[in-house]
Amino acid sequence: MGEKLAEAAILVAVGMAVVFAALVILMVSIMILNRLFPDRDKRTGGPALAEAIVSEESGREIVAALAVAVAKAMEKEREVIPEQRTMNVVGWSGEPSRWAVSGREQAMRSRRKAGRQWGRRSD
């Protein structure tokens, strides 16, 4: 038992060392690439900042348009249409469809079979 525990501890330590070494190598390579190829924003300065301001303003306009659309949709949902007044708390109060009737009948039949299977009636 002690040998397996020591072997497991060594395996964990080696695994962690490999992961951290790979992360350090990745970090160093990214730092080297950043020095070789600096960002366009740092080199030019002016135009990149102007583009950022324009994109930020257009982003605000898009958000405002989406907010107006959502508000209009919510107002439309609140309106009561005369045809929808037949809805009650439970569901549609009109004539049920064939699909709903057959589904209900099938559920009721399956319940009766289960009751007979155990020697009692389901009420």
N, C-alpha and C. Protein backbone atom coordinates (compact mmCIF):
# COMPACT_ATOMS: atom_id res chain seq x y z
N MET A 1 0.82 -1.18 0.00
CA MET A 1 0.00 0.00 0.00
C MET A 1 0.87 1.26 0.00
N GLY A 2 1.92 1.27 0.80
CA GLY A 2 2.81 2.41 0.87
C GLY A 2 3.56 2.64 -0.43
N GLU A 3 3.90 1.54 -1.12
CA GLU A 3 4.61 1.67 -2.39
C GLU A 3 3.72 2.31 -3.44
N LYS A 4 2.46 1.90 -3.48
CA LYS A 4 1.53 2.46 -4.47
C LYS A 4 1.27 3.93 -4.18
N LEU A 5 1.19 4.29 -2.91
CA LEU A 5 0.95 5.69 -2.55
C LEU A 5 2.15 6.56 -2.96
N ALA A 6 3.35 6.07 -2.74
CA ALA A 6 4.55 6.81 -3.13
C ALA A 6 4.64 6.93 -4.65
N GLU A 7 4.30 5.85 -5.34
CA GLU A 7 4.31 5.87 -6.81
C GLU A 7 3.28 6.85 -7.34
N ALA A 8 2.09 6.90 -6.71
CA ALA A 8 1.04 7.82 -7.14
C ALA A 8 1.48 9.26 -6.89
N ALA A 9 2.14 9.54 -5.76
CA ALA A 9 2.61 10.90 -5.46
C ALA A 9 3.64 11.36 -6.47
N ILE A 10 4.55 10.44 -6.85
CA ILE A 10 5.57 10.77 -7.86
C ILE A 10 4.90 11.06 -9.20
N LEU A 11 3.92 10.27 -9.56
CA LEU A 11 3.20 10.46 -10.82
C LEU A 11 2.48 11.81 -10.85
N VAL A 12 1.86 12.18 -9.73
CA VAL A 12 1.18 13.48 -9.65
C VAL A 12 2.18 14.61 -9.78
N ALA A 13 3.30 14.51 -9.10
CA ALA A 13 4.31 15.56 -9.15
C ALA A 13 4.89 15.71 -10.55
N VAL A 14 5.18 14.59 -11.21
CA VAL A 14 5.72 14.65 -12.58
C VAL A 14 4.68 15.25 -13.53
N GLY A 15 3.43 14.86 -13.37
CA GLY A 15 2.37 15.39 -14.23
C GLY A 15 2.20 16.88 -14.07
N MET A 16 2.21 17.35 -12.83
CA MET A 16 2.09 18.79 -12.59
C MET A 16 3.29 19.55 -13.14
N ALA A 17 4.48 18.98 -13.00
CA ALA A 17 5.68 19.63 -13.51
C ALA A 17 5.62 19.76 -15.03
N VAL A 18 5.15 18.71 -15.69
CA VAL A 18 5.04 18.75 -17.16
C VAL A 18 4.04 19.81 -17.59
N VAL A 19 2.90 19.88 -16.91
CA VAL A 19 1.87 20.86 -17.28
C VAL A 19 2.40 22.28 -17.08
N PHE A 20 3.03 22.55 -15.93
CA PHE A 20 3.53 23.90 -15.70
C PHE A 20 4.67 24.24 -16.66
N ALA A 21 5.51 23.28 -17.01
CA ALA A 21 6.57 23.54 -17.98
C ALA A 21 5.98 23.90 -19.34
N ALA A 22 4.92 23.19 -19.74
CA ALA A 22 4.27 23.48 -21.02
C ALA A 22 3.64 24.87 -20.99
N LEU A 23 3.05 25.25 -19.86
CA LEU A 23 2.46 26.58 -19.76
C LEU A 23 3.51 27.68 -19.82
N VAL A 24 4.65 27.44 -19.19
CA VAL A 24 5.74 28.43 -19.24
C VAL A 24 6.26 28.56 -20.65
N ILE A 25 6.43 27.46 -21.35
CA ILE A 25 6.89 27.51 -22.75
C ILE A 25 5.90 28.26 -23.61
N LEU A 26 4.62 28.03 -23.41
CA LEU A 26 3.58 28.72 -24.18
C LEU A 26 3.60 30.22 -23.88
N MET A 27 3.76 30.58 -22.62
CA MET A 27 3.80 31.99 -22.24
C MET A 27 5.00 32.70 -22.87
N VAL A 28 6.16 32.06 -22.82
CA VAL A 28 7.36 32.65 -23.40
C VAL A 28 7.23 32.80 -24.91
N SER A 29 6.66 31.81 -25.57
CA SER A 29 6.50 31.90 -27.03
C SER A 29 5.52 33.02 -27.40
N ILE A 30 4.46 33.22 -26.62
CA ILE A 30 3.53 34.32 -26.90
C ILE A 30 4.21 35.66 -26.68
N MET A 31 5.03 35.77 -25.64
CA MET A 31 5.75 37.02 -25.39
C MET A 31 6.71 37.33 -26.54
N ILE A 32 7.38 36.32 -27.06
CA ILE A 32 8.30 36.51 -28.19
C ILE A 32 7.53 36.95 -29.43
N LEU A 33 6.40 36.32 -29.69
CA LEU A 33 5.60 36.70 -30.86
C LEU A 33 5.06 38.12 -30.73
N ASN A 34 4.69 38.53 -29.52
CA ASN A 34 4.22 39.90 -29.33
C ASN A 34 5.32 40.92 -29.58
N ARG A 35 6.54 40.57 -29.25
CA ARG A 35 7.64 41.50 -29.51
C ARG A 35 8.01 41.53 -30.99
N LEU A 36 7.91 40.39 -31.68
CA LEU A 36 8.23 40.36 -33.10
C LEU A 36 7.16 41.04 -33.95
N PHE A 37 5.90 40.85 -33.59
CA PHE A 37 4.78 41.40 -34.35
C PHE A 37 3.90 42.25 -33.42
N PRO A 38 4.27 43.51 -33.18
CA PRO A 38 3.47 44.35 -32.29
C PRO A 38 2.09 44.63 -32.90
N ASP A 39 1.16 45.00 -32.06
CA ASP A 39 -0.20 45.28 -32.52
C ASP A 39 -0.24 46.49 -33.44
N ARG A 40 -1.20 46.49 -34.35
CA ARG A 40 -1.37 47.59 -35.28
C ARG A 40 -1.79 48.85 -34.51
N ASP A 41 -2.57 48.69 -33.45
CA ASP A 41 -3.05 49.83 -32.67
C ASP A 41 -1.88 50.60 -32.05
N LYS A 42 -0.88 49.89 -31.57
CA LYS A 42 0.26 50.55 -30.94
C LYS A 42 1.11 51.29 -31.96
N ARG A 43 1.20 50.76 -33.19
CA ARG A 43 2.03 51.39 -34.20
C ARG A 43 1.38 52.65 -34.75
N THR A 44 0.09 52.58 -35.10
CA THR A 44 -0.55 53.70 -35.77
C THR A 44 -1.13 54.71 -34.79
N GLY A 45 -1.79 54.26 -33.76
CA GLY A 45 -2.31 55.17 -32.75
C GLY A 45 -3.65 55.77 -33.10
N GLY A 46 -3.71 56.66 -34.06
CA GLY A 46 -4.92 57.43 -34.35
C GLY A 46 -6.07 56.66 -34.98
N PRO A 47 -5.90 56.11 -36.16
CA PRO A 47 -7.04 55.51 -36.86
C PRO A 47 -7.68 54.35 -36.12
N ALA A 48 -6.89 53.56 -35.44
CA ALA A 48 -7.46 52.41 -34.72
C ALA A 48 -8.38 52.89 -33.61
N LEU A 49 -8.01 53.99 -32.94
CA LEU A 49 -8.86 54.52 -31.89
C LEU A 49 -10.15 55.08 -32.46
N ALA A 50 -10.08 55.74 -33.62
CA ALA A 50 -11.29 56.27 -34.25
C ALA A 50 -12.23 55.14 -34.65
N GLU A 51 -11.68 54.05 -35.16
CA GLU A 51 -12.50 52.89 -35.53
C GLU A 51 -13.16 52.30 -34.30
N ALA A 52 -12.46 52.27 -33.18
CA ALA A 52 -13.02 51.72 -31.96
C ALA A 52 -14.19 52.57 -31.47
N ILE A 53 -14.07 53.90 -31.60
CA ILE A 53 -15.16 54.79 -31.17
C ILE A 53 -16.37 54.59 -32.05
N VAL A 54 -16.17 54.50 -33.36
CA VAL A 54 -17.29 54.30 -34.28
C VAL A 54 -17.96 52.97 -34.02
N SER A 55 -17.20 51.91 -33.80
CA SER A 55 -17.81 50.61 -33.55
C SER A 55 -18.54 50.60 -32.21
N GLU A 56 -18.03 51.35 -31.23
CA GLU A 56 -18.71 51.40 -29.93
C GLU A 56 -20.05 52.13 -30.06
N GLU A 57 -20.08 53.23 -30.85
CA GLU A 57 -21.33 53.95 -31.05
C GLU A 57 -22.33 53.11 -31.83
N SER A 58 -21.87 52.41 -32.86
CA SER A 58 -22.79 51.57 -33.62
C SER A 58 -23.30 50.41 -32.77
N GLY A 59 -22.46 49.93 -31.86
CA GLY A 59 -22.90 48.88 -30.94
C GLY A 59 -23.99 49.39 -30.02
N ARG A 60 -23.87 50.63 -29.58
CA ARG A 60 -24.90 51.23 -28.73
C ARG A 60 -26.21 51.38 -29.50
N GLU A 61 -26.11 51.75 -30.77
CA GLU A 61 -27.32 51.89 -31.59
C GLU A 61 -28.02 50.55 -31.77
N ILE A 62 -27.23 49.51 -31.96
CA ILE A 62 -27.81 48.17 -32.13
C ILE A 62 -28.51 47.74 -30.84
N VAL A 63 -27.87 48.00 -29.72
CA VAL A 63 -28.48 47.63 -28.43
C VAL A 63 -29.77 48.41 -28.22
N ALA A 64 -29.78 49.68 -28.57
CA ALA A 64 -30.99 50.49 -28.42
C ALA A 64 -32.11 49.97 -29.31
N ALA A 65 -31.78 49.60 -30.55
CA ALA A 65 -32.79 49.07 -31.46
C ALA A 65 -33.35 47.75 -30.95
N LEU A 66 -32.49 46.90 -30.41
CA LEU A 66 -32.97 45.64 -29.85
C LEU A 66 -33.86 45.87 -28.63
N ALA A 67 -33.51 46.84 -27.81
CA ALA A 67 -34.33 47.14 -26.63
C ALA A 67 -35.72 47.62 -27.04
N VAL A 68 -35.79 48.46 -28.07
CA VAL A 68 -37.09 48.93 -28.55
C VAL A 68 -37.90 47.77 -29.11
N ALA A 69 -37.27 46.88 -29.86
CA ALA A 69 -37.98 45.73 -30.43
C ALA A 69 -38.53 44.82 -29.35
N VAL A 70 -37.75 44.59 -28.30
CA VAL A 70 -38.21 43.73 -27.20
C VAL A 70 -39.36 44.39 -26.47
N ALA A 71 -39.29 45.71 -26.25
CA ALA A 71 -40.37 46.42 -25.57
C ALA A 71 -41.65 46.35 -26.39
N LYS A 72 -41.56 46.54 -27.70
CA LYS A 72 -42.75 46.45 -28.56
C LYS A 72 -43.35 45.05 -28.51
N ALA A 73 -42.51 44.03 -28.54
CA ALA A 73 -43.01 42.66 -28.50
C ALA A 73 -43.70 42.38 -27.17
N MET A 74 -43.15 42.91 -26.08
CA MET A 74 -43.78 42.70 -24.77
C MET A 74 -45.13 43.42 -24.69
N GLU A 75 -45.24 44.60 -25.29
CA GLU A 75 -46.51 45.31 -25.31
C GLU A 75 -47.54 44.54 -26.11
N LYS A 76 -47.11 43.97 -27.21
CA LYS A 76 -48.03 43.22 -28.07
C LYS A 76 -48.56 41.98 -27.35
N GLU A 77 -47.72 41.34 -26.54
CA GLU A 77 -48.16 40.17 -25.78
C GLU A 77 -49.19 40.53 -24.72
N ARG A 78 -49.11 41.76 -24.18
CA ARG A 78 -50.04 42.18 -23.13
C ARG A 78 -51.43 42.48 -23.68
N GLU A 79 -51.51 42.82 -24.97
CA GLU A 79 -52.82 43.12 -25.56
C GLU A 79 -53.68 41.86 -25.57
N VAL A 80 -54.96 42.03 -25.27
CA VAL A 80 -55.89 40.90 -25.25
C VAL A 80 -56.66 40.91 -26.56
N ILE A 81 -56.51 39.85 -27.32
CA ILE A 81 -57.22 39.68 -28.58
C ILE A 81 -58.54 38.99 -28.28
N PRO A 82 -59.65 39.41 -28.87
CA PRO A 82 -60.95 38.81 -28.55
C PRO A 82 -60.98 37.29 -28.72
N GLU A 83 -60.27 36.75 -29.69
CA GLU A 83 -60.26 35.30 -29.88
C GLU A 83 -59.56 34.58 -28.74
N GLN A 84 -58.67 35.28 -28.06
CA GLN A 84 -57.93 34.65 -26.98
C GLN A 84 -58.68 34.69 -25.66
N ARG A 85 -59.83 35.32 -25.60
CA ARG A 85 -60.59 35.38 -24.36
C ARG A 85 -61.21 34.04 -24.01
N THR A 86 -61.23 33.11 -24.95
CA THR A 86 -61.78 31.79 -24.65
C THR A 86 -60.80 30.92 -23.90
N MET A 87 -59.57 31.43 -23.71
CA MET A 87 -58.60 30.68 -22.90
C MET A 87 -58.96 30.83 -21.43
N ASN A 88 -59.01 29.72 -20.71
CA ASN A 88 -59.23 29.81 -19.27
C ASN A 88 -57.94 29.40 -18.55
N VAL A 89 -58.01 29.24 -17.26
CA VAL A 89 -56.82 28.96 -16.47
C VAL A 89 -56.22 27.61 -16.85
N VAL A 90 -57.06 26.61 -17.11
CA VAL A 90 -56.57 25.27 -17.37
C VAL A 90 -56.09 25.13 -18.81
N GLY A 91 -56.82 25.62 -19.76
CA GLY A 91 -56.43 25.46 -21.16
C GLY A 91 -57.52 25.95 -22.09
N TRP A 92 -57.51 25.47 -23.28
CA TRP A 92 -58.45 25.89 -24.31
C TRP A 92 -59.83 25.38 -23.97
N SER A 93 -60.81 26.29 -23.96
CA SER A 93 -62.17 25.89 -23.58
C SER A 93 -63.02 25.54 -24.78
N GLY A 94 -62.47 25.70 -25.98
CA GLY A 94 -63.22 25.37 -27.19
C GLY A 94 -63.27 23.88 -27.43
N GLU A 95 -63.63 23.49 -28.63
CA GLU A 95 -63.72 22.07 -28.98
C GLU A 95 -62.32 21.48 -29.09
N PRO A 96 -62.04 20.37 -28.39
CA PRO A 96 -60.70 19.79 -28.44
C PRO A 96 -60.42 19.13 -29.80
N SER A 97 -59.16 19.08 -30.16
CA SER A 97 -58.79 18.47 -31.43
C SER A 97 -58.80 16.95 -31.32
N ARG A 98 -58.79 16.30 -32.47
CA ARG A 98 -58.77 14.83 -32.49
C ARG A 98 -57.49 14.30 -31.84
N TRP A 99 -56.40 15.01 -32.07
CA TRP A 99 -55.12 14.59 -31.51
C TRP A 99 -55.17 14.60 -29.99
N ALA A 100 -55.75 15.66 -29.41
CA ALA A 100 -55.84 15.76 -27.95
C ALA A 100 -56.76 14.68 -27.39
N VAL A 101 -57.87 14.42 -28.07
CA VAL A 101 -58.82 13.41 -27.59
C VAL A 101 -58.19 12.03 -27.62
N SER A 102 -57.51 11.71 -28.73
CA SER A 102 -56.91 10.38 -28.81
C SER A 102 -55.80 10.20 -27.79
N GLY A 103 -55.03 11.26 -27.54
CA GLY A 103 -53.98 11.19 -26.53
C GLY A 103 -54.55 10.97 -25.14
N ARG A 104 -55.64 11.68 -24.84
CA ARG A 104 -56.28 11.52 -23.54
C ARG A 104 -56.83 10.11 -23.37
N GLU A 105 -57.49 9.60 -24.43
CA GLU A 105 -58.03 8.23 -24.36
C GLU A 105 -56.93 7.21 -24.17
N GLN A 106 -55.84 7.38 -24.87
CA GLN A 106 -54.72 6.45 -24.75
C GLN A 106 -54.15 6.46 -23.33
N ALA A 107 -54.04 7.63 -22.73
CA ALA A 107 -53.53 7.71 -21.36
C ALA A 107 -54.49 7.04 -20.39
N MET A 108 -55.78 7.23 -20.59
CA MET A 108 -56.75 6.62 -19.69
C MET A 108 -56.75 5.10 -19.84
N ARG A 109 -56.63 4.60 -21.06
CA ARG A 109 -56.59 3.15 -21.27
C ARG A 109 -55.35 2.54 -20.61
N SER A 110 -54.23 3.20 -20.72
CA SER A 110 -53.01 2.65 -20.13
C SER A 110 -53.10 2.62 -18.62
N ARG A 111 -53.81 3.53 -18.02
CA ARG A 111 -53.97 3.54 -16.56
C ARG A 111 -54.84 2.37 -16.12
N ARG A 112 -55.89 2.07 -16.86
CA ARG A 112 -56.75 0.95 -16.50
C ARG A 112 -55.99 -0.36 -16.57
N LYS A 113 -55.14 -0.52 -17.58
CA LYS A 113 -54.38 -1.76 -17.72
C LYS A 113 -53.44 -1.94 -16.52
N ALA A 114 -52.83 -0.87 -16.07
CA ALA A 114 -51.92 -0.98 -14.94
C ALA A 114 -52.68 -1.36 -13.68
N GLY A 115 -53.90 -0.84 -13.52
CA GLY A 115 -54.69 -1.19 -12.35
C GLY A 115 -55.08 -2.65 -12.35
N ARG A 116 -55.46 -3.20 -13.50
CA ARG A 116 -55.84 -4.62 -13.58
C ARG A 116 -54.63 -5.51 -13.38
N GLN A 117 -53.48 -5.03 -13.81
CA GLN A 117 -52.27 -5.84 -13.72
C GLN A 117 -51.94 -6.16 -12.26
N TRP A 118 -52.22 -5.24 -11.36
CA TRP A 118 -51.91 -5.44 -9.95
C TRP A 118 -53.11 -5.95 -9.16
N GLY A 119 -54.21 -6.27 -9.85
CA GLY A 119 -55.35 -6.85 -9.18
C GLY A 119 -56.25 -5.85 -8.50
N ARG A 120 -56.18 -4.58 -8.87
CA ARG A 120 -57.05 -3.58 -8.29
C ARG A 120 -57.51 -2.63 -9.37
N ARG A 121 -58.55 -1.97 -9.14
CA ARG A 121 -59.10 -1.04 -10.12
C ARG A 121 -58.56 0.36 -9.86
N SER A 122 -58.30 1.07 -10.93
CA SER A 122 -57.91 2.47 -10.79
C SER A 122 -59.14 3.33 -10.96
N ASP A 123 -59.42 4.18 -10.01
CA ASP A 123 -60.62 5.03 -10.08
C ASP A 123 -60.25 6.44 -10.38
